[in-house]
Amino acid sequence: MTTTRTTEGLAGELTGKGHRLVQRVYYEDTDFSGVVYHARYLHFLERGRTDFLRLLGVDQGAMAARSESLAFVVRHMEIDFRTPARMDDILTIETAPAAIGGARLELLQSILRDGRVLITARVKVALIDANGRPRRMPAELAAAFASEMAPEGRAE
C-alpha cells in the first residue's frame, strides 16, 4: 500500500528558495481571547522545518536509528512577533536556508497570513550524534540544503 496519495501536499512544497507549508489555526492553538498563544508559534515553525527536511528526502527517524545516530537540534532562535494570528486563520510557514557550514545550519522562517508577515524567526540548528557532540553535515545533505538557498544566500 502506498501513502503518497493520502499524504500528498501535507508536507507543503519546495519553492526553489526554501519551503512553504500551509496550516490552519485551531482552537487548541489559542489563548482565552482567541489569539494564538505565543509558544504555539514554535509548533508552527517546527512543522515548517520538519516538513522542509522531509521534502528534501531527510528521514529523521532513520538518521536517529543509524549505528552513528544523528539528530538536528535547535541551538539558538530569535523571534520577532509582529502581529497576532487568530483562530481559523490560514497561515503560511516559510522556511529558507540562510547559511550552511560544518555541523550547523541557519534557517530564516516567517509565518504569514494573506501575505502579511506575522512573525519572523532566525533559527540556528546543529547536527549532533547520540552523545550530543556536533557532527559535520554529510555532503549530500549540505548539497540538498544549498539547492534550496535563495541565490543571494548562496556562497560563491
N, C-alpha and C. Protein backbone atom coordinates (compact mmCIF):
# COMPACT_ATOMS: atom_id res chain seq x y z
N MET A 1 0.85 -1.19 0.00
CA MET A 1 0.00 0.00 0.00
C MET A 1 0.89 1.24 0.00
N THR A 2 0.58 2.18 -0.83
CA THR A 2 1.35 3.43 -0.90
C THR A 2 0.63 4.53 -0.13
N THR A 3 1.42 5.41 0.49
CA THR A 3 0.82 6.50 1.26
C THR A 3 0.90 7.82 0.50
N THR A 4 1.48 7.81 -0.69
CA THR A 4 1.64 9.04 -1.45
C THR A 4 0.31 9.75 -1.65
N ARG A 5 -0.70 8.99 -1.99
CA ARG A 5 -2.00 9.57 -2.28
C ARG A 5 -2.60 10.28 -1.07
N THR A 6 -2.48 9.68 0.10
CA THR A 6 -3.09 10.26 1.29
C THR A 6 -2.23 11.35 1.93
N THR A 7 -0.94 11.37 1.63
CA THR A 7 -0.08 12.38 2.25
C THR A 7 0.34 13.46 1.27
N GLU A 8 -0.04 13.34 0.02
CA GLU A 8 0.35 14.32 -0.99
C GLU A 8 -0.09 15.72 -0.57
N GLY A 9 0.84 16.64 -0.52
CA GLY A 9 0.53 18.02 -0.17
C GLY A 9 0.59 18.32 1.32
N LEU A 10 0.52 17.29 2.17
CA LEU A 10 0.55 17.53 3.61
C LEU A 10 1.85 18.15 4.07
N ALA A 11 2.94 17.86 3.38
CA ALA A 11 4.26 18.36 3.78
C ALA A 11 4.59 19.70 3.13
N GLY A 12 3.66 20.31 2.44
CA GLY A 12 3.92 21.59 1.80
C GLY A 12 4.64 21.40 0.48
N GLU A 13 5.48 22.39 0.13
CA GLU A 13 6.19 22.32 -1.15
C GLU A 13 7.53 23.02 -1.08
N LEU A 14 8.48 22.49 -1.86
CA LEU A 14 9.76 23.16 -2.04
C LEU A 14 9.54 24.26 -3.06
N THR A 15 10.20 25.39 -2.85
CA THR A 15 9.95 26.55 -3.72
C THR A 15 11.15 26.94 -4.58
N GLY A 16 12.28 26.28 -4.42
CA GLY A 16 13.49 26.68 -5.13
C GLY A 16 14.30 27.68 -4.32
N LYS A 17 13.69 28.23 -3.30
CA LYS A 17 14.40 29.09 -2.35
C LYS A 17 13.94 28.80 -0.93
N GLY A 18 13.56 27.53 -0.73
CA GLY A 18 13.12 27.10 0.58
C GLY A 18 11.88 26.24 0.52
N HIS A 19 11.03 26.42 1.51
CA HIS A 19 9.86 25.57 1.70
C HIS A 19 8.67 26.41 2.14
N ARG A 20 7.49 25.97 1.74
CA ARG A 20 6.25 26.64 2.12
C ARG A 20 5.26 25.59 2.61
N LEU A 21 4.64 25.87 3.77
CA LEU A 21 3.67 24.97 4.37
C LEU A 21 2.46 25.79 4.79
N VAL A 22 1.27 25.31 4.50
CA VAL A 22 0.03 25.99 4.88
C VAL A 22 -0.62 25.23 6.03
N GLN A 23 -1.00 25.95 7.08
CA GLN A 23 -1.61 25.36 8.26
C GLN A 23 -2.77 26.24 8.74
N ARG A 24 -3.79 25.60 9.31
CA ARG A 24 -4.91 26.33 9.90
C ARG A 24 -4.66 26.50 11.40
N VAL A 25 -5.12 27.60 11.95
CA VAL A 25 -5.07 27.81 13.40
C VAL A 25 -6.32 27.18 14.00
N TYR A 26 -6.11 26.28 14.97
CA TYR A 26 -7.22 25.61 15.65
C TYR A 26 -7.41 26.19 17.05
N TYR A 27 -8.53 25.86 17.65
CA TYR A 27 -8.86 26.32 19.00
C TYR A 27 -7.71 26.02 19.96
N GLU A 28 -7.12 24.83 19.85
CA GLU A 28 -6.03 24.42 20.75
C GLU A 28 -4.81 25.32 20.66
N ASP A 29 -4.67 26.08 19.57
CA ASP A 29 -3.53 26.97 19.37
C ASP A 29 -3.71 28.33 20.04
N THR A 30 -4.91 28.60 20.52
CA THR A 30 -5.23 29.95 21.00
C THR A 30 -5.32 30.03 22.52
N ASP A 31 -5.24 31.27 23.00
CA ASP A 31 -5.46 31.51 24.43
C ASP A 31 -6.93 31.86 24.64
N PHE A 32 -7.28 32.31 25.81
CA PHE A 32 -8.68 32.59 26.14
C PHE A 32 -9.31 33.67 25.27
N SER A 33 -8.49 34.51 24.63
CA SER A 33 -9.03 35.61 23.83
C SER A 33 -9.17 35.26 22.34
N GLY A 34 -8.78 34.02 21.96
CA GLY A 34 -8.88 33.62 20.56
C GLY A 34 -7.64 33.96 19.73
N VAL A 35 -6.62 34.50 20.39
CA VAL A 35 -5.35 34.85 19.73
C VAL A 35 -4.39 33.68 19.93
N VAL A 36 -3.56 33.41 18.92
CA VAL A 36 -2.59 32.32 19.05
C VAL A 36 -1.65 32.62 20.21
N TYR A 37 -1.54 31.65 21.10
CA TYR A 37 -0.65 31.74 22.26
C TYR A 37 0.79 31.77 21.75
N HIS A 38 1.62 32.64 22.31
CA HIS A 38 2.96 32.89 21.76
C HIS A 38 3.80 31.61 21.61
N ALA A 39 3.70 30.68 22.53
CA ALA A 39 4.51 29.47 22.46
C ALA A 39 4.07 28.54 21.32
N ARG A 40 2.83 28.67 20.88
CA ARG A 40 2.33 27.81 19.79
C ARG A 40 3.01 28.13 18.46
N TYR A 41 3.53 29.34 18.32
CA TYR A 41 4.26 29.67 17.09
C TYR A 41 5.46 28.75 16.92
N LEU A 42 6.05 28.30 18.04
CA LEU A 42 7.17 27.36 17.96
C LEU A 42 6.74 26.07 17.29
N HIS A 43 5.51 25.63 17.53
CA HIS A 43 4.98 24.42 16.90
C HIS A 43 4.86 24.61 15.39
N PHE A 44 4.32 25.75 14.98
CA PHE A 44 4.19 26.02 13.54
C PHE A 44 5.56 26.07 12.88
N LEU A 45 6.53 26.71 13.53
CA LEU A 45 7.88 26.79 12.98
C LEU A 45 8.52 25.40 12.89
N GLU A 46 8.33 24.58 13.92
CA GLU A 46 8.87 23.21 13.91
C GLU A 46 8.27 22.39 12.77
N ARG A 47 6.98 22.52 12.56
CA ARG A 47 6.34 21.80 11.45
C ARG A 47 6.95 22.22 10.12
N GLY A 48 7.18 23.51 9.97
CA GLY A 48 7.82 24.00 8.74
C GLY A 48 9.20 23.41 8.54
N ARG A 49 10.01 23.41 9.60
CA ARG A 49 11.38 22.85 9.49
C ARG A 49 11.34 21.35 9.21
N THR A 50 10.47 20.64 9.92
CA THR A 50 10.38 19.19 9.77
C THR A 50 9.93 18.80 8.36
N ASP A 51 8.92 19.48 7.85
CA ASP A 51 8.44 19.15 6.51
C ASP A 51 9.42 19.59 5.43
N PHE A 52 10.18 20.64 5.67
CA PHE A 52 11.25 21.03 4.76
C PHE A 52 12.25 19.88 4.65
N LEU A 53 12.68 19.35 5.79
CA LEU A 53 13.61 18.22 5.79
C LEU A 53 12.99 17.02 5.06
N ARG A 54 11.73 16.74 5.36
CA ARG A 54 11.04 15.60 4.75
C ARG A 54 11.06 15.71 3.23
N LEU A 55 10.76 16.88 2.70
CA LEU A 55 10.72 17.04 1.25
C LEU A 55 12.11 17.04 0.62
N LEU A 56 13.12 17.32 1.41
CA LEU A 56 14.50 17.22 0.91
C LEU A 56 14.98 15.76 0.93
N GLY A 57 14.14 14.86 1.45
CA GLY A 57 14.48 13.45 1.48
C GLY A 57 15.16 13.01 2.76
N VAL A 58 15.14 13.88 3.78
CA VAL A 58 15.77 13.55 5.06
C VAL A 58 14.76 12.78 5.91
N ASP A 59 15.13 11.56 6.29
CA ASP A 59 14.30 10.74 7.16
C ASP A 59 14.91 10.82 8.56
N GLN A 60 14.36 11.69 9.39
CA GLN A 60 14.94 11.91 10.72
C GLN A 60 14.90 10.66 11.59
N GLY A 61 13.88 9.82 11.43
CA GLY A 61 13.80 8.58 12.19
C GLY A 61 14.94 7.64 11.79
N ALA A 62 15.22 7.55 10.51
CA ALA A 62 16.31 6.70 10.03
C ALA A 62 17.67 7.26 10.47
N MET A 63 17.80 8.59 10.50
CA MET A 63 19.05 9.19 10.97
C MET A 63 19.32 8.81 12.42
N ALA A 64 18.29 8.83 13.23
CA ALA A 64 18.45 8.51 14.65
C ALA A 64 18.70 7.02 14.87
N ALA A 65 18.21 6.17 13.96
CA ALA A 65 18.34 4.73 14.11
C ALA A 65 19.66 4.19 13.55
N ARG A 66 20.43 5.02 12.84
CA ARG A 66 21.71 4.56 12.28
C ARG A 66 22.67 4.16 13.39
N SER A 67 23.69 3.39 13.01
CA SER A 67 24.69 2.99 14.01
C SER A 67 25.38 4.23 14.59
N GLU A 68 25.61 5.25 13.74
CA GLU A 68 26.11 6.53 14.24
C GLU A 68 24.91 7.48 14.23
N SER A 69 24.12 7.40 15.27
CA SER A 69 22.89 8.17 15.37
C SER A 69 23.15 9.67 15.22
N LEU A 70 22.34 10.32 14.38
CA LEU A 70 22.45 11.76 14.16
C LEU A 70 21.08 12.40 14.35
N ALA A 71 21.08 13.64 14.83
CA ALA A 71 19.83 14.37 15.02
C ALA A 71 20.08 15.87 14.88
N PHE A 72 19.06 16.57 14.40
CA PHE A 72 19.10 18.03 14.35
C PHE A 72 18.54 18.57 15.66
N VAL A 73 19.20 19.56 16.24
CA VAL A 73 18.70 20.22 17.44
C VAL A 73 18.75 21.73 17.25
N VAL A 74 17.77 22.41 17.80
CA VAL A 74 17.78 23.88 17.76
C VAL A 74 18.78 24.36 18.79
N ARG A 75 19.73 25.17 18.33
CA ARG A 75 20.78 25.70 19.20
C ARG A 75 20.47 27.13 19.63
N HIS A 76 19.82 27.88 18.76
CA HIS A 76 19.54 29.29 19.04
C HIS A 76 18.35 29.71 18.18
N MET A 77 17.49 30.57 18.75
CA MET A 77 16.34 31.05 18.00
C MET A 77 16.04 32.49 18.40
N GLU A 78 15.83 33.33 17.41
CA GLU A 78 15.37 34.71 17.63
C GLU A 78 14.03 34.86 16.92
N ILE A 79 13.04 35.38 17.64
CA ILE A 79 11.71 35.54 17.07
C ILE A 79 11.25 36.99 17.23
N ASP A 80 10.69 37.53 16.16
CA ASP A 80 10.11 38.86 16.19
C ASP A 80 8.60 38.70 15.97
N PHE A 81 7.83 38.93 17.04
CA PHE A 81 6.37 38.85 16.95
C PHE A 81 5.85 40.20 16.48
N ARG A 82 5.20 40.23 15.33
CA ARG A 82 4.74 41.50 14.76
C ARG A 82 3.25 41.73 14.95
N THR A 83 2.46 40.73 14.63
CA THR A 83 1.00 40.87 14.78
C THR A 83 0.42 39.47 15.01
N PRO A 84 -0.65 39.35 15.78
CA PRO A 84 -1.14 38.03 16.16
C PRO A 84 -1.97 37.33 15.07
N ALA A 85 -1.97 36.02 15.15
CA ALA A 85 -2.88 35.20 14.36
C ALA A 85 -4.06 34.85 15.27
N ARG A 86 -5.18 34.50 14.65
CA ARG A 86 -6.39 34.18 15.39
C ARG A 86 -6.97 32.84 14.93
N MET A 87 -7.87 32.32 15.74
CA MET A 87 -8.50 31.05 15.42
C MET A 87 -9.08 31.07 14.01
N ASP A 88 -8.87 29.97 13.29
CA ASP A 88 -9.34 29.74 11.92
C ASP A 88 -8.54 30.47 10.85
N ASP A 89 -7.53 31.26 11.23
CA ASP A 89 -6.65 31.86 10.22
C ASP A 89 -5.94 30.75 9.45
N ILE A 90 -5.66 31.01 8.20
CA ILE A 90 -4.85 30.12 7.38
C ILE A 90 -3.47 30.75 7.31
N LEU A 91 -2.48 30.04 7.84
CA LEU A 91 -1.12 30.56 7.92
C LEU A 91 -0.22 29.89 6.90
N THR A 92 0.74 30.63 6.41
CA THR A 92 1.78 30.09 5.54
C THR A 92 3.09 30.18 6.30
N ILE A 93 3.74 29.04 6.47
CA ILE A 93 5.04 28.99 7.15
C ILE A 93 6.10 28.83 6.08
N GLU A 94 6.99 29.80 6.00
CA GLU A 94 8.07 29.76 5.01
C GLU A 94 9.39 29.51 5.72
N THR A 95 10.20 28.63 5.15
CA THR A 95 11.49 28.25 5.72
C THR A 95 12.52 28.29 4.61
N ALA A 96 13.63 28.95 4.87
CA ALA A 96 14.70 29.03 3.86
C ALA A 96 16.06 28.93 4.53
N PRO A 97 16.96 28.13 3.95
CA PRO A 97 18.32 28.07 4.49
C PRO A 97 19.04 29.38 4.21
N ALA A 98 19.75 29.90 5.22
CA ALA A 98 20.49 31.15 5.07
C ALA A 98 22.00 30.91 5.09
N ALA A 99 22.44 29.89 5.82
CA ALA A 99 23.86 29.58 5.91
C ALA A 99 24.03 28.11 6.26
N ILE A 100 25.05 27.49 5.66
CA ILE A 100 25.35 26.09 5.91
C ILE A 100 26.85 25.99 6.15
N GLY A 101 27.23 25.29 7.20
CA GLY A 101 28.65 25.12 7.44
C GLY A 101 28.94 24.11 8.53
N GLY A 102 29.84 23.19 8.26
CA GLY A 102 30.25 22.22 9.26
C GLY A 102 29.07 21.45 9.81
N ALA A 103 28.80 21.63 11.09
CA ALA A 103 27.71 20.92 11.76
C ALA A 103 26.49 21.81 11.94
N ARG A 104 26.48 22.98 11.32
CA ARG A 104 25.38 23.92 11.59
C ARG A 104 24.62 24.32 10.34
N LEU A 105 23.42 24.75 10.58
CA LEU A 105 22.54 25.24 9.54
C LEU A 105 21.77 26.41 10.13
N GLU A 106 21.71 27.51 9.40
CA GLU A 106 20.91 28.65 9.83
C GLU A 106 19.73 28.78 8.90
N LEU A 107 18.53 28.87 9.48
CA LEU A 107 17.29 28.97 8.72
C LEU A 107 16.58 30.27 9.03
N LEU A 108 15.98 30.85 8.02
CA LEU A 108 15.11 32.01 8.19
C LEU A 108 13.69 31.51 8.02
N GLN A 109 12.84 31.84 8.96
CA GLN A 109 11.45 31.41 8.89
C GLN A 109 10.52 32.60 9.07
N SER A 110 9.37 32.51 8.45
CA SER A 110 8.33 33.51 8.67
C SER A 110 6.98 32.83 8.64
N ILE A 111 6.05 33.44 9.35
CA ILE A 111 4.66 32.99 9.33
C ILE A 111 3.84 34.16 8.81
N LEU A 112 3.05 33.88 7.77
CA LEU A 112 2.26 34.92 7.12
C LEU A 112 0.78 34.55 7.11
N ARG A 113 -0.04 35.57 7.04
CA ARG A 113 -1.48 35.41 6.84
C ARG A 113 -1.86 36.34 5.70
N ASP A 114 -2.40 35.78 4.64
CA ASP A 114 -2.78 36.57 3.47
C ASP A 114 -1.64 37.47 2.99
N GLY A 115 -0.43 36.95 3.02
CA GLY A 115 0.73 37.69 2.54
C GLY A 115 1.32 38.67 3.53
N ARG A 116 0.69 38.85 4.67
CA ARG A 116 1.19 39.77 5.70
C ARG A 116 2.03 39.00 6.72
N VAL A 117 3.23 39.48 6.97
CA VAL A 117 4.15 38.81 7.90
C VAL A 117 3.66 39.01 9.34
N LEU A 118 3.45 37.87 10.03
CA LEU A 118 3.03 37.91 11.43
C LEU A 118 4.23 37.77 12.37
N ILE A 119 5.13 36.86 12.03
CA ILE A 119 6.37 36.70 12.80
C ILE A 119 7.51 36.33 11.87
N THR A 120 8.72 36.66 12.31
CA THR A 120 9.93 36.20 11.63
C THR A 120 10.80 35.52 12.68
N ALA A 121 11.58 34.56 12.22
CA ALA A 121 12.48 33.84 13.14
C ALA A 121 13.79 33.51 12.42
N ARG A 122 14.86 33.59 13.16
CA ARG A 122 16.18 33.15 12.71
C ARG A 122 16.54 31.97 13.61
N VAL A 123 16.73 30.80 13.01
CA VAL A 123 16.93 29.58 13.77
C VAL A 123 18.27 28.97 13.41
N LYS A 124 19.09 28.73 14.43
CA LYS A 124 20.37 28.05 14.22
C LYS A 124 20.22 26.62 14.72
N VAL A 125 20.49 25.69 13.83
CA VAL A 125 20.33 24.27 14.09
C VAL A 125 21.69 23.60 14.01
N ALA A 126 21.92 22.63 14.89
CA ALA A 126 23.17 21.87 14.87
C ALA A 126 22.85 20.41 14.61
N LEU A 127 23.79 19.71 13.96
CA LEU A 127 23.69 18.28 13.77
C LEU A 127 24.58 17.62 14.83
N ILE A 128 23.98 16.76 15.65
CA ILE A 128 24.73 16.13 16.74
C ILE A 128 24.62 14.61 16.67
N ASP A 129 25.55 13.93 17.38
CA ASP A 129 25.48 12.47 17.48
C ASP A 129 24.75 12.10 18.77
N ALA A 130 24.71 10.79 19.06
CA ALA A 130 23.98 10.30 20.23
C ALA A 130 24.55 10.81 21.54
N ASN A 131 25.82 11.25 21.54
CA ASN A 131 26.45 11.78 22.75
C ASN A 131 26.33 13.30 22.85
N GLY A 132 25.61 13.90 21.91
CA GLY A 132 25.42 15.35 21.94
C GLY A 132 26.58 16.13 21.34
N ARG A 133 27.50 15.45 20.67
CA ARG A 133 28.65 16.13 20.06
C ARG A 133 28.30 16.55 18.64
N PRO A 134 28.74 17.73 18.24
CA PRO A 134 28.48 18.19 16.87
C PRO A 134 29.12 17.24 15.85
N ARG A 135 28.43 17.03 14.74
CA ARG A 135 28.94 16.20 13.65
C ARG A 135 28.79 16.97 12.35
N ARG A 136 29.83 16.92 11.54
CA ARG A 136 29.80 17.59 10.23
C ARG A 136 28.63 17.03 9.42
N MET A 137 27.94 17.94 8.75
CA MET A 137 26.81 17.56 7.93
C MET A 137 27.31 16.76 6.72
N PRO A 138 26.70 15.61 6.45
CA PRO A 138 27.09 14.84 5.26
C PRO A 138 26.96 15.70 4.00
N ALA A 139 27.87 15.50 3.06
CA ALA A 139 27.93 16.33 1.85
C ALA A 139 26.61 16.34 1.09
N GLU A 140 25.94 15.18 0.99
CA GLU A 140 24.68 15.13 0.23
C GLU A 140 23.58 15.94 0.92
N LEU A 141 23.62 15.99 2.24
CA LEU A 141 22.64 16.77 2.99
C LEU A 141 22.92 18.26 2.84
N ALA A 142 24.16 18.65 2.94
CA ALA A 142 24.53 20.06 2.73
C ALA A 142 24.16 20.50 1.32
N ALA A 143 24.36 19.62 0.34
CA ALA A 143 24.01 19.95 -1.06
C ALA A 143 22.50 20.12 -1.22
N ALA A 144 21.71 19.29 -0.53
CA ALA A 144 20.25 19.40 -0.60
C ALA A 144 19.80 20.75 -0.05
N PHE A 145 20.37 21.17 1.10
CA PHE A 145 20.02 22.48 1.66
C PHE A 145 20.45 23.59 0.72
N ALA A 146 21.66 23.49 0.19
CA ALA A 146 22.19 24.52 -0.71
C ALA A 146 21.33 24.67 -1.96
N SER A 147 20.73 23.57 -2.42
CA SER A 147 19.88 23.63 -3.62
C SER A 147 18.63 24.47 -3.39
N GLU A 148 18.24 24.67 -2.14
CA GLU A 148 17.05 25.44 -1.81
C GLU A 148 17.37 26.83 -1.27
N MET A 149 18.65 27.21 -1.28
CA MET A 149 19.01 28.56 -0.83
C MET A 149 18.69 29.57 -1.92
N ALA A 150 18.16 30.69 -1.50
CA ALA A 150 17.93 31.78 -2.44
C ALA A 150 19.29 32.20 -3.01
N PRO A 151 19.36 32.58 -4.28
CA PRO A 151 20.64 32.93 -4.89
C PRO A 151 21.45 33.93 -4.08
N GLU A 152 20.79 34.91 -3.44
CA GLU A 152 21.53 35.90 -2.67
C GLU A 152 22.16 35.32 -1.41
N GLY A 153 21.69 34.12 -0.97
CA GLY A 153 22.24 33.49 0.22
C GLY A 153 23.30 32.44 -0.08
N ARG A 154 23.45 32.10 -1.36
CA ARG A 154 24.40 31.06 -1.74
C ARG A 154 25.81 31.58 -1.73
N ALA A 155 26.71 30.74 -1.22
CA ALA A 155 28.13 31.10 -1.25
C ALA A 155 28.63 30.95 -2.67
N GLU A 156 29.48 31.86 -3.08
CA GLU A 156 30.04 31.81 -4.44
C GLU A 156 31.26 30.95 -4.46
